[in-house]
Amino acid sequence: MPNVRTVSEHGSFRLVERDGRFAVVEARDGHVYGLHGEAGQRPSAPDRPDAAEAVVAPDDWSAEDDARRRFADLTARGEELARKIW
C-alpha cells in the first residue's frame, strides 16, 4: 500500500505527503514528474498512488511549510514555468 497521499492540487501540480514529509510533483499526460532535471529528462512514472515515491529524490522531501511555499510559488507561476520546463 502506498505511503503517499495528495494534500492539494492546482493545475498540474500536486502537494504530496509521505510519513510527515512533503514534496511537490507535476502530473501531466498520465505521468507524474519530479521537479528536478533538464526538460525532457525529469524523473517520471505512470500516474499511480505510489508514483511520487519513484520521482521525488530523498533530499526533495521537506517540512510542510517549505513544501507549501514551493507549491504556492509553482502554482502562481504555472503557465510561465510549464512553457520553460517543456
Protein backbone atom coordinates (compact mmCIF):
# COMPACT_ATOMS: atom_id res chain seq x y z
CA MET A 1 0.00 0.00 0.00
CA PRO A 2 1.45 3.41 -0.96
CA ASN A 3 2.53 5.72 1.81
CA VAL A 4 1.96 8.89 -0.23
CA ARG A 5 -1.19 10.99 -0.14
CA THR A 6 -2.14 14.04 -2.16
CA VAL A 7 -2.67 17.04 0.11
CA SER A 8 -3.55 19.62 -2.54
CA GLU A 9 -3.73 20.00 -6.32
CA HIS A 10 -3.68 23.08 -8.50
CA GLY A 11 -3.27 22.93 -12.26
CA SER A 12 -0.71 20.25 -12.99
CA PHE A 13 0.99 20.50 -9.58
CA ARG A 14 0.37 18.32 -6.53
CA LEU A 15 1.49 18.77 -2.97
CA VAL A 16 2.05 15.29 -1.56
CA GLU A 17 2.88 13.93 1.89
CA ARG A 18 4.72 10.78 2.98
CA ASP A 19 5.45 9.96 6.61
CA GLY A 20 5.22 13.60 7.71
CA ARG A 21 7.47 14.92 4.91
CA PHE A 22 6.16 16.87 1.91
CA ALA A 23 7.05 17.38 -1.75
CA VAL A 24 5.68 18.87 -4.94
CA VAL A 25 5.28 16.88 -8.15
CA GLU A 26 3.80 17.65 -11.54
CA ALA A 27 1.19 15.42 -13.20
CA ARG A 28 0.68 15.58 -16.96
CA ASP A 29 -0.47 13.18 -19.65
CA GLY A 30 -0.85 10.19 -17.34
CA HIS A 31 2.59 10.58 -15.75
CA VAL A 32 3.96 12.16 -12.59
CA TYR A 33 7.24 14.10 -12.81
CA GLY A 34 9.79 15.17 -10.25
CA LEU A 35 10.71 18.85 -10.34
CA HIS A 36 14.44 18.46 -10.91
CA GLY A 37 16.21 17.66 -14.13
CA GLU A 38 16.51 19.07 -17.62
CA ALA A 39 13.41 19.47 -19.77
CA GLY A 40 12.53 16.01 -21.01
CA GLN A 41 14.92 14.44 -18.51
CA ARG A 42 13.00 14.83 -15.26
CA PRO A 43 12.21 11.60 -13.39
CA SER A 44 8.79 10.27 -14.33
CA ALA A 45 6.46 7.39 -13.53
CA PRO A 46 2.95 6.40 -14.55
CA ASP A 47 0.38 8.36 -12.52
CA ARG A 48 -0.42 5.92 -9.72
CA PRO A 49 -0.71 6.40 -5.96
CA ASP A 50 2.92 5.32 -5.44
CA ALA A 51 4.38 7.47 -8.28
CA ALA A 52 5.70 10.26 -6.04
CA GLU A 53 7.92 7.80 -4.22
CA ALA A 54 9.55 6.95 -7.56
CA VAL A 55 10.11 10.53 -8.82
CA VAL A 56 10.92 12.58 -5.70
CA ALA A 57 14.57 12.43 -4.69
CA PRO A 58 15.15 11.66 -0.99
CA ASP A 59 16.51 15.19 -0.41
CA ASP A 60 13.42 16.78 -2.02
CA TRP A 61 11.07 15.67 0.78
CA SER A 62 10.84 18.61 3.17
CA ALA A 63 8.97 20.16 6.06
CA GLU A 64 5.36 21.10 5.32
CA ASP A 65 5.89 24.87 5.38
CA ASP A 66 8.77 24.67 2.86
CA ALA A 67 6.80 22.42 0.52
CA ARG A 68 3.70 24.62 0.77
CA ARG A 69 5.78 27.69 -0.17
CA ARG A 70 7.20 25.85 -3.19
CA PHE A 71 3.70 24.67 -4.16
CA ALA A 72 2.29 28.21 -3.89
CA ASP A 73 5.15 29.63 -5.96
CA LEU A 74 4.79 26.99 -8.66
CA THR A 75 1.04 27.31 -8.93
CA ALA A 76 1.30 31.10 -9.12
CA ARG A 77 3.79 30.83 -11.98
CA GLY A 78 2.25 27.70 -13.52
CA GLU A 79 1.83 28.56 -17.18
CA GLU A 80 5.10 30.51 -17.45
CA LEU A 81 7.00 27.68 -15.76
CA ALA A 82 5.34 24.96 -17.84
CA ARG A 83 6.48 26.68 -21.04
CA LYS A 84 10.08 26.72 -19.78
CA ILE A 85 10.05 23.15 -18.49
CA TRP A 86 8.51 21.65 -21.60
